[in-house]
Amino acid sequence: MRQGSARGIFTPIEIAEKTAYFVAGLRPAGNELTAVLPSADDVVQACLDAIPEDLDHVAVLNERRDLRGLDRIRMLRSRQARILISAAQLHLDEVRDEHLASRLRKWIAVKPRLV
């Protein structure tokens, strides 16, 4: 992942999402690799940092017909936020930083209305 990022193969959004799913898949195995995996806090922070819009400005839908009023960029950013929140949500139970967990919970509450 680091090499892919350094070489510009993956975007920060892709790195955060792939890392979150990778770590979530390995952590339950309980093998020696878990000691070198990023913490849940680091994974969630990376996902939240990669969201291209802040919570107050992200495009949300109250009804599906609201899609007609969104331009392509706003729809894409909202979708990226939903994807990153889904990935981060896998780590919520392991997050130690309460402020970070609270931020994630706020995003989770909005997630059903994201594109």
PDB file of N, CA and C in Angstrom:
ATOM      1  N   MET A   1       0.827  -1.188   0.000  1.00  0.00           N
ATOM      2  CA  MET A   1       0.000   0.000   0.000  1.00  0.00           C
ATOM      3  C   MET A   1       0.874   1.256   0.000  1.00  0.00           C
ATOM      4  N   ARG A   2       1.912   1.234   0.827  1.00  0.00           N
ATOM      5  CA  ARG A   2       2.784   2.415   0.901  1.00  0.00           C
ATOM      6  C   ARG A   2       3.457   2.677  -0.434  1.00  0.00           C
ATOM      7  N   GLN A   3       3.917   1.616  -1.084  1.00  0.00           N
ATOM      8  CA  GLN A   3       4.570   1.790  -2.383  1.00  0.00           C
ATOM      9  C   GLN A   3       3.574   2.268  -3.430  1.00  0.00           C
ATOM     10  N   GLY A   4       2.361   1.729  -3.379  1.00  0.00           N
ATOM     11  CA  GLY A   4       1.324   2.178  -4.308  1.00  0.00           C
ATOM     12  C   GLY A   4       0.995   3.641  -4.118  1.00  0.00           C
ATOM     13  N   SER A   5       0.990   4.072  -2.882  1.00  0.00           N
ATOM     14  CA  SER A   5       0.747   5.476  -2.587  1.00  0.00           C
ATOM     15  C   SER A   5       1.914   6.339  -3.053  1.00  0.00           C
ATOM     16  N   ALA A   6       3.126   5.916  -2.730  1.00  0.00           N
ATOM     17  CA  ALA A   6       4.320   6.678  -3.099  1.00  0.00           C
ATOM     18  C   ALA A   6       4.461   6.805  -4.615  1.00  0.00           C
ATOM     19  N   ARG A   7       4.032   5.799  -5.326  1.00  0.00           N
ATOM     20  CA  ARG A   7       4.145   5.815  -6.789  1.00  0.00           C
ATOM     21  C   ARG A   7       2.928   6.418  -7.466  1.00  0.00           C
ATOM     22  N   GLY A   8       1.959   6.841  -6.681  1.00  0.00           N
ATOM     23  CA  GLY A   8       0.780   7.475  -7.234  1.00  0.00           C
ATOM     24  C   GLY A   8      -0.199   6.510  -7.883  1.00  0.00           C
ATOM     25  N   ILE A   9      -0.098   5.231  -7.553  1.00  0.00           N
ATOM     26  CA  ILE A   9      -0.989   4.227  -8.129  1.00  0.00           C
ATOM     27  C   ILE A   9      -2.370   4.305  -7.473  1.00  0.00           C
ATOM     28  N   PHE A  10      -2.380   4.496  -6.167  1.00  0.00           N
ATOM     29  CA  PHE A  10      -3.630   4.590  -5.419  1.00  0.00           C
ATOM     30  C   PHE A  10      -3.805   5.997  -4.870  1.00  0.00           C
ATOM     31  N   THR A  11      -5.045   6.449  -4.812  1.00  0.00           N
ATOM     32  CA  THR A  11      -5.359   7.739  -4.202  1.00  0.00           C
ATOM     33  C   THR A  11      -5.409   7.545  -2.682  1.00  0.00           C
ATOM     34  N   PRO A  12      -5.357   8.629  -1.909  1.00  0.00           N
ATOM     35  CA  PRO A  12      -5.502   8.495  -0.456  1.00  0.00           C
ATOM     36  C   PRO A  12      -6.821   7.822  -0.062  1.00  0.00           C
ATOM     37  N   ILE A  13      -7.859   8.045  -0.826  1.00  0.00           N
ATOM     38  CA  ILE A  13      -9.149   7.407  -0.550  1.00  0.00           C
ATOM     39  C   ILE A  13      -9.029   5.904  -0.712  1.00  0.00           C
ATOM     40  N   GLU A  14      -8.409   5.462  -1.797  1.00  0.00           N
ATOM     41  CA  GLU A  14      -8.237   4.026  -2.044  1.00  0.00           C
ATOM     42  C   GLU A  14      -7.329   3.383  -0.998  1.00  0.00           C
ATOM     43  N   ILE A  15      -6.277   4.081  -0.617  1.00  0.00           N
ATOM     44  CA  ILE A  15      -5.351   3.552   0.393  1.00  0.00           C
ATOM     45  C   ILE A  15      -6.086   3.355   1.721  1.00  0.00           C
ATOM     46  N   ALA A  16      -6.833   4.371   2.156  1.00  0.00           N
ATOM     47  CA  ALA A  16      -7.552   4.279   3.428  1.00  0.00           C
ATOM     48  C   ALA A  16      -8.561   3.142   3.401  1.00  0.00           C
ATOM     49  N   GLU A  17      -9.321   3.038   2.316  1.00  0.00           N
ATOM     50  CA  GLU A  17     -10.336   1.983   2.217  1.00  0.00           C
ATOM     51  C   GLU A  17      -9.692   0.597   2.189  1.00  0.00           C
ATOM     52  N   LYS A  18      -8.690   0.412   1.354  1.00  0.00           N
ATOM     53  CA  LYS A  18      -8.037  -0.901   1.232  1.00  0.00           C
ATOM     54  C   LYS A  18      -7.364  -1.298   2.545  1.00  0.00           C
ATOM     55  N   THR A  19      -6.739  -0.340   3.204  1.00  0.00           N
ATOM     56  CA  THR A  19      -6.085  -0.623   4.482  1.00  0.00           C
ATOM     57  C   THR A  19      -7.116  -1.043   5.524  1.00  0.00           C
ATOM     58  N   ALA A  20      -8.236  -0.333   5.576  1.00  0.00           N
ATOM     59  CA  ALA A  20      -9.278  -0.660   6.565  1.00  0.00           C
ATOM     60  C   ALA A  20      -9.784  -2.087   6.369  1.00  0.00           C
ATOM     61  N   TYR A  21     -10.058  -2.475   5.133  1.00  0.00           N
ATOM     62  CA  TYR A  21     -10.553  -3.833   4.886  1.00  0.00           C
ATOM     63  C   TYR A  21      -9.466  -4.877   5.100  1.00  0.00           C
ATOM     64  N   PHE A  22      -8.244  -4.550   4.732  1.00  0.00           N
ATOM     65  CA  PHE A  22      -7.125  -5.466   4.924  1.00  0.00           C
ATOM     66  C   PHE A  22      -6.913  -5.755   6.412  1.00  0.00           C
ATOM     67  N   VAL A  23      -6.862  -4.697   7.207  1.00  0.00           N
ATOM     68  CA  VAL A  23      -6.655  -4.842   8.650  1.00  0.00           C
ATOM     69  C   VAL A  23      -7.830  -5.579   9.284  1.00  0.00           C
ATOM     70  N   ALA A  24      -9.043  -5.241   8.878  1.00  0.00           N
ATOM     71  CA  ALA A  24     -10.226  -5.916   9.427  1.00  0.00           C
ATOM     72  C   ALA A  24     -10.210  -7.409   9.109  1.00  0.00           C
ATOM     73  N   GLY A  25      -9.665  -7.768   7.981  1.00  0.00           N
ATOM     74  CA  GLY A  25      -9.578  -9.174   7.607  1.00  0.00           C
ATOM     75  C   GLY A  25      -8.507  -9.937   8.346  1.00  0.00           C
ATOM     76  N   LEU A  26      -7.413  -9.274   8.695  1.00  0.00           N
ATOM     77  CA  LEU A  26      -6.297  -9.954   9.362  1.00  0.00           C
ATOM     78  C   LEU A  26      -6.396  -9.973  10.877  1.00  0.00           C
ATOM     79  N   ARG A  27      -6.943  -8.938  11.452  1.00  0.00           N
ATOM     80  CA  ARG A  27      -6.952  -8.818  12.910  1.00  0.00           C
ATOM     81  C   ARG A  27      -7.615 -10.009  13.616  1.00  0.00           C
ATOM     82  N   PRO A  28      -8.752 -10.508  13.154  1.00  0.00           N
ATOM     83  CA  PRO A  28      -9.374 -11.647  13.851  1.00  0.00           C
ATOM     84  C   PRO A  28      -8.536 -12.926  13.810  1.00  0.00           C
ATOM     85  N   ALA A  29      -7.611 -13.015  12.872  1.00  0.00           N
ATOM     86  CA  ALA A  29      -6.794 -14.225  12.765  1.00  0.00           C
ATOM     87  C   ALA A  29      -5.889 -14.386  13.977  1.00  0.00           C
ATOM     88  N   GLY A  30      -5.538 -13.265  14.616  1.00  0.00           N
ATOM     89  CA  GLY A  30      -4.744 -13.322  15.833  1.00  0.00           C
ATOM     90  C   GLY A  30      -3.338 -13.861  15.648  1.00  0.00           C
ATOM     91  N   ASN A  31      -2.804 -13.773  14.472  1.00  0.00           N
ATOM     92  CA  ASN A  31      -1.446 -14.267  14.258  1.00  0.00           C
ATOM     93  C   ASN A  31      -0.420 -13.173  14.541  1.00  0.00           C
ATOM     94  N   GLU A  32       0.842 -13.477  14.300  1.00  0.00           N
ATOM     95  CA  GLU A  32       1.922 -12.538  14.620  1.00  0.00           C
ATOM     96  C   GLU A  32       1.854 -11.257  13.787  1.00  0.00           C
ATOM     97  N   LEU A  33       1.137 -11.265  12.697  1.00  0.00           N
ATOM     98  CA  LEU A  33       1.012 -10.062  11.874  1.00  0.00           C
ATOM     99  C   LEU A  33       0.220  -8.965  12.564  1.00  0.00           C
ATOM    100  N   THR A  34      -0.673  -9.333  13.458  1.00  0.00           N
ATOM    101  CA  THR A  34      -1.515  -8.322  14.089  1.00  0.00           C
ATOM    102  C   THR A  34      -0.695  -7.308  14.886  1.00  0.00           C
ATOM    103  N   ALA A  35       0.490  -7.687  15.332  1.00  0.00           N
ATOM    104  CA  ALA A  35       1.338  -6.763  16.093  1.00  0.00           C
ATOM    105  C   ALA A  35       1.867  -5.622  15.225  1.00  0.00           C
ATOM    106  N   VAL A  36       1.960  -5.832  13.932  1.00  0.00           N
ATOM    107  CA  VAL A  36       2.500  -4.798  13.049  1.00  0.00           C
ATOM    108  C   VAL A  36       1.417  -4.062  12.263  1.00  0.00           C
ATOM    109  N   LEU A  37       0.160  -4.449  12.469  1.00  0.00           N
ATOM    110  CA  LEU A  37      -0.935  -3.776  11.776  1.00  0.00           C
ATOM    111  C   LEU A  37      -1.203  -2.412  12.403  1.00  0.00           C
ATOM    112  N   PRO A  38      -1.709  -1.480  11.617  1.00  0.00           N
ATOM    113  CA  PRO A  38      -2.093  -0.191  12.199  1.00  0.00           C
ATOM    114  C   PRO A  38      -3.209  -0.388  13.227  1.00  0.00           C
ATOM    115  N   SER A  39      -3.249   0.475  14.220  1.00  0.00           N
ATOM    116  CA  SER A  39      -4.298   0.396  15.238  1.00  0.00           C
ATOM    117  C   SER A  39      -5.636   0.793  14.633  1.00  0.00           C
ATOM    118  N   ALA A  40      -6.701   0.444  15.310  1.00  0.00           N
ATOM    119  CA  ALA A  40      -8.038   0.846  14.860  1.00  0.00           C
ATOM    120  C   ALA A  40      -8.135   2.365  14.795  1.00  0.00           C
ATOM    121  N   ASP A  41      -7.519   3.050  15.753  1.00  0.00           N
ATOM    122  CA  ASP A  41      -7.531   4.514  15.750  1.00  0.00           C
ATOM    123  C   ASP A  41      -6.864   5.053  14.487  1.00  0.00           C
ATOM    124  N   ASP A  42      -5.717   4.465  14.127  1.00  0.00           N
ATOM    125  CA  ASP A  42      -5.004   4.920  12.925  1.00  0.00           C
ATOM    126  C   ASP A  42      -5.818   4.660  11.664  1.00  0.00           C
ATOM    127  N   VAL A  43      -6.449   3.511  11.604  1.00  0.00           N
ATOM    128  CA  VAL A  43      -7.253   3.157  10.437  1.00  0.00           C
ATOM    129  C   VAL A  43      -8.446   4.093  10.303  1.00  0.00           C
ATOM    130  N   VAL A  44      -9.161   4.307  11.394  1.00  0.00           N
ATOM    131  CA  VAL A  44     -10.334   5.192  11.361  1.00  0.00           C
ATOM    132  C   VAL A  44      -9.919   6.619  11.046  1.00  0.00           C
ATOM    133  N   GLN A  45      -8.838   7.075  11.648  1.00  0.00           N
ATOM    134  CA  GLN A  45      -8.355   8.439  11.374  1.00  0.00           C
ATOM    135  C   GLN A  45      -8.018   8.606   9.900  1.00  0.00           C
ATOM    136  N   ALA A  46      -7.358   7.618   9.313  1.00  0.00           N
ATOM    137  CA  ALA A  46      -7.010   7.692   7.892  1.00  0.00           C
ATOM    138  C   ALA A  46      -8.267   7.747   7.026  1.00  0.00           C
ATOM    139  N   CYS A  47      -9.271   6.966   7.372  1.00  0.00           N
ATOM    140  CA  CYS A  47     -10.527   6.987   6.615  1.00  0.00           C
ATOM    141  C   CYS A  47     -11.210   8.351   6.725  1.00  0.00           C
ATOM    142  N   LEU A  48     -11.298   8.876   7.935  1.00  0.00           N
ATOM    143  CA  LEU A  48     -11.944  10.172   8.123  1.00  0.00           C
ATOM    144  C   LEU A  48     -11.165  11.287   7.430  1.00  0.00           C
ATOM    145  N   ASP A  49      -9.844  11.209   7.489  1.00  0.00           N
ATOM    146  CA  ASP A  49      -9.010  12.216   6.823  1.00  0.00           C
ATOM    147  C   ASP A  49      -9.153  12.175   5.307  1.00  0.00           C
ATOM    148  N   ALA A  50      -9.435  11.010   4.768  1.00  0.00           N
ATOM    149  CA  ALA A  50      -9.536  10.854   3.312  1.00  0.00           C
ATOM    150  C   ALA A  50     -10.889  11.299   2.749  1.00  0.00           C
ATOM    151  N   ILE A  51     -11.876  11.505   3.606  1.00  0.00           N
ATOM    152  CA  ILE A  51     -13.190  11.939   3.113  1.00  0.00           C
ATOM    153  C   ILE A  51     -13.023  13.322   2.492  1.00  0.00           C
ATOM    154  N   PRO A  52     -13.460  13.462   1.230  1.00  0.00           N
ATOM    155  CA  PRO A  52     -13.204  14.713   0.509  1.00  0.00           C
ATOM    156  C   PRO A  52     -14.093  15.895   0.897  1.00  0.00           C
ATOM    157  N   GLU A  53     -15.065  15.695   1.739  1.00  0.00           N
ATOM    158  CA  GLU A  53     -15.950  16.773   2.209  1.00  0.00           C
ATOM    159  C   GLU A  53     -16.080  16.659   3.718  1.00  0.00           C
ATOM    160  N   ASP A  54     -16.336  17.781   4.380  1.00  0.00           N
ATOM    161  CA  ASP A  54     -16.585  17.666   5.812  1.00  0.00           C
ATOM    162  C   ASP A  54     -18.064  17.363   6.044  1.00  0.00           C
ATOM    163  N   LEU A  55     -18.365  16.961   7.234  1.00  0.00           N
ATOM    164  CA  LEU A  55     -19.707  16.496   7.576  1.00  0.00           C
ATOM    165  C   LEU A  55     -20.782  17.545   7.313  1.00  0.00           C
ATOM    166  N   ASP A  56     -20.442  18.799   7.498  1.00  0.00           N
ATOM    167  CA  ASP A  56     -21.421  19.871   7.312  1.00  0.00           C
ATOM    168  C   ASP A  56     -21.675  20.216   5.848  1.00  0.00           C
ATOM    169  N   HIS A  57     -20.808  19.756   4.953  1.00  0.00           N
ATOM    170  CA  HIS A  57     -20.934  20.140   3.545  1.00  0.00           C
ATOM    171  C   HIS A  57     -21.141  18.974   2.585  1.00  0.00           C
ATOM    172  N   VAL A  58     -21.101  17.766   3.078  1.00  0.00           N
ATOM    173  CA  VAL A  58     -21.259  16.611   2.205  1.00  0.00           C
ATOM    174  C   VAL A  58     -22.704  16.547   1.694  1.00  0.00           C
ATOM    175  N   ALA A  59     -22.843  16.105   0.453  1.00  0.00           N
ATOM    176  CA  ALA A  59     -24.178  15.995  -0.145  1.00  0.00           C
ATOM    177  C   ALA A  59     -24.918  14.810   0.455  1.00  0.00           C
ATOM    178  N   VAL A  60     -26.100  15.078   0.984  1.00  0.00           N
ATOM    179  CA  VAL A  60     -26.953  14.026   1.532  1.00  0.00           C
ATOM    180  C   VAL A  60     -28.303  14.069   0.824  1.00  0.00           C
ATOM    181  N   LEU A  61     -28.969  12.939   0.820  1.00  0.00           N
ATOM    182  CA  LEU A  61     -30.263  12.817   0.159  1.00  0.00           C
ATOM    183  C   LEU A  61     -31.352  12.566   1.187  1.00  0.00           C
ATOM    184  N   ASN A  62     -32.425  13.300   1.068  1.00  0.00           N
ATOM    185  CA  ASN A  62     -33.601  13.013   1.874  1.00  0.00           C
ATOM    186  C   ASN A  62     -34.546  12.118   1.093  1.00  0.00           C
ATOM    187  N   GLU A  63     -34.496  12.251  -0.215  1.00  0.00           N
ATOM    188  CA  GLU A  63     -35.274  11.412  -1.118  1.00  0.00           C
ATOM    189  C   GLU A  63     -34.424  11.150  -2.352  1.00  0.00           C
ATOM    190  N   ARG A  64     -34.656  10.050  -3.024  1.00  0.00           N
ATOM    191  CA  ARG A  64     -33.869   9.694  -4.202  1.00  0.00           C
ATOM    192  C   ARG A  64     -33.974  10.743  -5.302  1.00  0.00           C
ATOM    193  N   ARG A  65     -35.096  11.431  -5.385  1.00  0.00           N
ATOM    194  CA  ARG A  65     -35.213  12.429  -6.449  1.00  0.00           C
ATOM    195  C   ARG A  65     -34.254  13.598  -6.232  1.00  0.00           C
ATOM    196  N   ASP A  66     -33.683  13.708  -5.040  1.00  0.00           N
ATOM    197  CA  ASP A  66     -32.695  14.754  -4.770  1.00  0.00           C
ATOM    198  C   ASP A  66     -31.448  14.596  -5.642  1.00  0.00           C
ATOM    199  N   LEU A  67     -31.227  13.407  -6.189  1.00  0.00           N
ATOM    200  CA  LEU A  67     -30.063  13.175  -7.048  1.00  0.00           C
ATOM    201  C   LEU A  67     -30.031  14.128  -8.232  1.00  0.00           C
ATOM    202  N   ARG A  68     -31.186  14.483  -8.743  1.00  0.00           N
ATOM    203  CA  ARG A  68     -31.237  15.384  -9.908  1.00  0.00           C
ATOM    204  C   ARG A  68     -30.621  16.741  -9.609  1.00  0.00           C
ATOM    205  N   GLY A  69     -30.621  17.130  -8.350  1.00  0.00           N
ATOM    206  CA  GLY A  69     -30.090  18.435  -7.996  1.00  0.00           C
ATOM    207  C   GLY A  69     -28.596  18.452  -7.700  1.00  0.00           C
ATOM    208  N   LEU A  70     -27.952  17.290  -7.766  1.00  0.00           N
ATOM    209  CA  LEU A  70     -26.520  17.217  -7.453  1.00  0.00           C
ATOM    210  C   LEU A  70     -25.685  17.120  -8.726  1.00  0.00           C
ATOM    211  N   ASP A  71     -24.589  17.841  -8.732  1.00  0.00           N
ATOM    212  CA  ASP A  71     -23.675  17.676  -9.867  1.00  0.00           C
ATOM    213  C   ASP A  71     -22.810  16.441  -9.638  1.00  0.00           C
ATOM    214  N   ARG A  72     -22.127  16.034 -10.662  1.00  0.00           N
ATOM    215  CA  ARG A  72     -21.335  14.801 -10.636  1.00  0.00           C
ATOM    216  C   ARG A  72     -20.288  14.794  -9.516  1.00  0.00           C
ATOM    217  N   ILE A  73     -19.617  15.896  -9.305  1.00  0.00           N
ATOM    218  CA  ILE A  73     -18.563  15.984  -8.287  1.00  0.00           C
ATOM    219  C   ILE A  73     -19.138  15.800  -6.884  1.00  0.00           C
ATOM    220  N   ARG A  74     -20.246  16.456  -6.586  1.00  0.00           N
ATOM    221  CA  ARG A  74     -20.865  16.318  -5.252  1.00  0.00           C
ATOM    222  C   ARG A  74     -21.348  14.898  -5.021  1.00  0.00           C
ATOM    223  N   MET A  75     -21.895  14.271  -6.069  1.00  0.00           N
ATOM    224  CA  MET A  75     -22.337  12.884  -5.949  1.00  0.00           C
ATOM    225  C   MET A  75     -21.143  11.965  -5.692  1.00  0.00           C
ATOM    226  N   LEU A  76     -20.057  12.184  -6.417  1.00  0.00           N
ATOM    227  CA  LEU A  76     -18.856  11.370  -6.254  1.00  0.00           C
ATOM    228  C   LEU A  76     -18.292  11.508  -4.846  1.00  0.00           C
ATOM    229  N   ARG A  77     -18.200  12.721  -4.345  1.00  0.00           N
ATOM    230  CA  ARG A  77     -17.660  12.948  -2.999  1.00  0.00           C
ATOM    231  C   ARG A  77     -18.543  12.321  -1.923  1.00  0.00           C
ATOM    232  N   SER A  78     -19.838  12.393  -2.109  1.00  0.00           N
ATOM    233  CA  SER A  78     -20.754  11.780  -1.151  1.00  0.00           C
ATOM    234  C   SER A  78     -20.598  10.259  -1.174  1.00  0.00           C
ATOM    235  N   ARG A  79     -20.460   9.702  -2.350  1.00  0.00           N
ATOM    236  CA  ARG A  79     -20.261   8.253  -2.481  1.00  0.00           C
ATOM    237  C   ARG A  79     -18.939   7.827  -1.849  1.00  0.00           C
ATOM    238  N   GLN A  80     -17.894   8.610  -2.075  1.00  0.00           N
ATOM    239  CA  GLN A  80     -16.597   8.301  -1.472  1.00  0.00           C
ATOM    240  C   GLN A  80     -16.688   8.346   0.046  1.00  0.00           C
ATOM    241  N   ALA A  81     -17.415   9.300   0.577  1.00  0.00           N
ATOM    242  CA  ALA A  81     -17.604   9.386   2.029  1.00  0.00           C
ATOM    243  C   ALA A  81     -18.302   8.128   2.539  1.00  0.00           C
ATOM    244  N   ARG A  82     -19.351   7.693   1.845  1.00  0.00           N
ATOM    245  CA  ARG A  82     -20.083   6.491   2.265  1.00  0.00           C
ATOM    246  C   ARG A  82     -19.175   5.262   2.256  1.00  0.00           C
ATOM    247  N   ILE A  83     -18.358   5.136   1.230  1.00  0.00           N
ATOM    248  CA  ILE A  83     -17.444   3.995   1.122  1.00  0.00           C
ATOM    249  C   ILE A  83     -16.432   4.005   2.264  1.00  0.00           C
ATOM    250  N   LEU A  84     -15.884   5.168   2.562  1.00  0.00           N
ATOM    251  CA  LEU A  84     -14.886   5.274   3.634  1.00  0.00           C
ATOM    252  C   LEU A  84     -15.510   5.042   5.011  1.00  0.00           C
ATOM    253  N   ILE A  85     -16.715   5.518   5.221  1.00  0.00           N
ATOM    254  CA  ILE A  85     -17.385   5.305   6.504  1.00  0.00           C
ATOM    255  C   ILE A  85     -17.675   3.829   6.697  1.00  0.00           C
ATOM    256  N   SER A  86     -18.103   3.153   5.637  1.00  0.00           N
ATOM    257  CA  SER A  86     -18.350   1.705   5.731  1.00  0.00           C
ATOM    258  C   SER A  86     -17.093   0.958   6.129  1.00  0.00           C
ATOM    259  N   ALA A  87     -15.961   1.356   5.551  1.00  0.00           N
ATOM    260  CA  ALA A  87     -14.687   0.701   5.874  1.00  0.00           C
ATOM    261  C   ALA A  87     -14.264   1.011   7.308  1.00  0.00           C
ATOM    262  N   ALA A  88     -14.390   2.269   7.721  1.00  0.00           N
ATOM    263  CA  ALA A  88     -13.996   2.672   9.079  1.00  0.00           C
ATOM    264  C   ALA A  88     -14.884   2.046  10.136  1.00  0.00           C
ATOM    265  N   GLN A  89     -16.134   1.877   9.816  1.00  0.00           N
ATOM    266  CA  GLN A  89     -17.120   1.353  10.764  1.00  0.00           C
ATOM    267  C   GLN A  89     -16.733  -0.033  11.272  1.00  0.00           C
ATOM    268  N   LEU A  90     -15.999  -0.790  10.489  1.00  0.00           N
ATOM    269  CA  LEU A  90     -15.556  -2.127  10.899  1.00  0.00           C
ATOM    270  C   LEU A  90     -14.653  -2.083  12.126  1.00  0.00           C
ATOM    271  N   HIS A  91     -14.068  -0.916  12.399  1.00  0.00           N
ATOM    272  CA  HIS A  91     -13.076  -0.778  13.466  1.00  0.00           C
ATOM    273  C   HIS A  91     -13.595  -0.020  14.679  1.00  0.00           C
ATOM    274  N   LEU A  92     -14.846   0.403  14.640  1.00  0.00           N
ATOM    275  CA  LEU A  92     -15.385   1.255  15.709  1.00  0.00           C
ATOM    276  C   LEU A  92     -15.234   0.643  17.099  1.00  0.00           C
ATOM    277  N   ASP A  93     -15.491  -0.626  17.241  1.00  0.00           N
ATOM    278  CA  ASP A  93     -15.433  -1.263  18.565  1.00  0.00           C
ATOM    279  C   ASP A  93     -14.024  -1.273  19.159  1.00  0.00           C
ATOM    280  N   GLU A  94     -13.012  -1.119  18.322  1.00  0.00           N
ATOM    281  CA  GLU A  94     -11.621  -1.161  18.786  1.00  0.00           C
ATOM    282  C   GLU A  94     -11.005   0.227  18.976  1.00  0.00           C
ATOM    283  N   VAL A  95     -11.715   1.279  18.611  1.00  0.00           N
ATOM    284  CA  VAL A  95     -11.185   2.644  18.716  1.00  0.00           C
ATOM    285  C   VAL A  95     -11.085   3.039  20.180  1.00  0.00           C
ATOM    286  N   ARG A  96      -9.924   3.538  20.571  1.00  0.00           N
ATOM    287  CA  ARG A  96      -9.684   3.945  21.963  1.00  0.00           C
ATOM    288  C   ARG A  96      -9.961   5.434  22.198  1.00  0.00           C
ATOM    289  N   ASP A  97      -9.718   6.253  21.192  1.00  0.00           N
ATOM    290  CA  ASP A  97      -9.913   7.700  21.299  1.00  0.00           C
ATOM    291  C   ASP A  97     -11.403   8.014  21.188  1.00  0.00           C
ATOM    292  N   GLU A  98     -11.993   8.465  22.278  1.00  0.00           N
ATOM    293  CA  GLU A  98     -13.431   8.725  22.306  1.00  0.00           C
ATOM    294  C   GLU A  98     -13.842   9.844  21.353  1.00  0.00           C
ATOM    295  N   HIS A  99     -12.999  10.847  21.190  1.00  0.00           N
ATOM    296  CA  HIS A  99     -13.303  11.935  20.249  1.00  0.00           C
ATOM    297  C   HIS A  99     -13.369  11.376  18.831  1.00  0.00           C
ATOM    298  N   LEU A 100     -12.436  10.530  18.485  1.00  0.00           N
ATOM    299  CA  LEU A 100     -12.408   9.903  17.163  1.00  0.00           C
ATOM    300  C   LEU A 100     -13.632   9.008  16.975  1.00  0.00           C
ATOM    301  N   ALA A 101     -13.971   8.225  17.972  1.00  0.00           N
ATOM    302  CA  ALA A 101     -15.148   7.356  17.906  1.00  0.00           C
ATOM    303  C   ALA A 101     -16.418   8.191  17.750  1.00  0.00           C
ATOM    304  N   SER A 102     -16.489   9.307  18.432  1.00  0.00           N
ATOM    305  CA  SER A 102     -17.648  10.195  18.336  1.00  0.00           C
ATOM    306  C   SER A 102     -17.781  10.764  16.923  1.00  0.00           C
ATOM    307  N   ARG A 103     -16.662  11.187  16.350  1.00  0.00           N
ATOM    308  CA  ARG A 103     -16.684  11.694  14.966  1.00  0.00           C
ATOM    309  C   ARG A 103     -17.181  10.624  14.010  1.00  0.00           C
ATOM    310  N   LEU A 104     -16.703   9.396  14.189  1.00  0.00           N
ATOM    311  CA  LEU A 104     -17.129   8.308  13.319  1.00  0.00           C
ATOM    312  C   LEU A 104     -18.627   8.033  13.497  1.00  0.00           C
ATOM    313  N   ARG A 105     -19.109   8.052  14.722  1.00  0.00           N
ATOM    314  CA  ARG A 105     -20.538   7.811  14.964  1.00  0.00           C
ATOM    315  C   ARG A 105     -21.408   8.870  14.275  1.00  0.00           C
ATOM    316  N   LYS A 106     -20.940  10.104  14.245  1.00  0.00           N
ATOM    317  CA  LYS A 106     -21.689  11.162  13.553  1.00  0.00           C
ATOM    318  C   LYS A 106     -21.784  10.862  12.059  1.00  0.00           C
ATOM    319  N   TRP A 107     -20.683  10.411  11.490  1.00  0.00           N
ATOM    320  CA  TRP A 107     -20.689  10.035  10.077  1.00  0.00           C
ATOM    321  C   TRP A 107     -21.592   8.822   9.844  1.00  0.00           C
ATOM    322  N   ILE A 108     -21.539   7.865  10.736  1.00  0.00           N
ATOM    323  CA  ILE A 108     -22.370   6.663  10.601  1.00  0.00           C
ATOM    324  C   ILE A 108     -23.846   7.049  10.597  1.00  0.00           C
ATOM    325  N   ALA A 109     -24.217   8.020  11.415  1.00  0.00           N
ATOM    326  CA  ALA A 109     -25.609   8.467  11.464  1.00  0.00           C
ATOM    327  C   ALA A 109     -26.060   9.087  10.137  1.00  0.00           C
ATOM    328  N   VAL A 110     -25.143   9.693   9.425  1.00  0.00           N
ATOM    329  CA  VAL A 110     -25.458  10.340   8.152  1.00  0.00           C
ATOM    330  C   VAL A 110     -25.352   9.355   6.978  1.00  0.00           C
ATOM    331  N   LYS A 111     -24.614   8.290   7.164  1.00  0.00           N
ATOM    332  CA  LYS A 111     -24.314   7.359   6.069  1.00  0.00           C
ATOM    333  C   LYS A 111     -25.519   6.896   5.256  1.00  0.00           C
ATOM    334  N   PRO A 112     -26.666   6.596   5.852  1.00  0.00           N
ATOM    335  CA  PRO A 112     -27.806   6.153   5.025  1.00  0.00           C
ATOM    336  C   PRO A 112     -28.282   7.200   4.000  1.00  0.00           C
ATOM    337  N   ARG A 113     -27.954   8.463   4.238  1.00  0.00           N
ATOM    338  CA  ARG A 113     -28.383   9.521   3.322  1.00  0.00           C
ATOM    339  C   ARG A 113     -27.300   9.937   2.346  1.00  0.00           C
ATOM    340  N   LEU A 114     -26.133   9.313   2.417  1.00  0.00           N
ATOM    341  CA  LEU A 114     -25.081   9.597   1.461  1.00  0.00           C
ATOM    342  C   LEU A 114     -25.379   8.887   0.150  1.00  0.00           C
ATOM    343  N   VAL A 115     -24.855   9.439  -0.936  1.00  0.00           N
ATOM    344  CA  VAL A 115     -25.084   8.845  -2.249  1.00  0.00           C
ATOM    345  C   VAL A 115     -24.358   7.570  -2.311  1.00  0.00           C
TER     346      VAL A 115
END
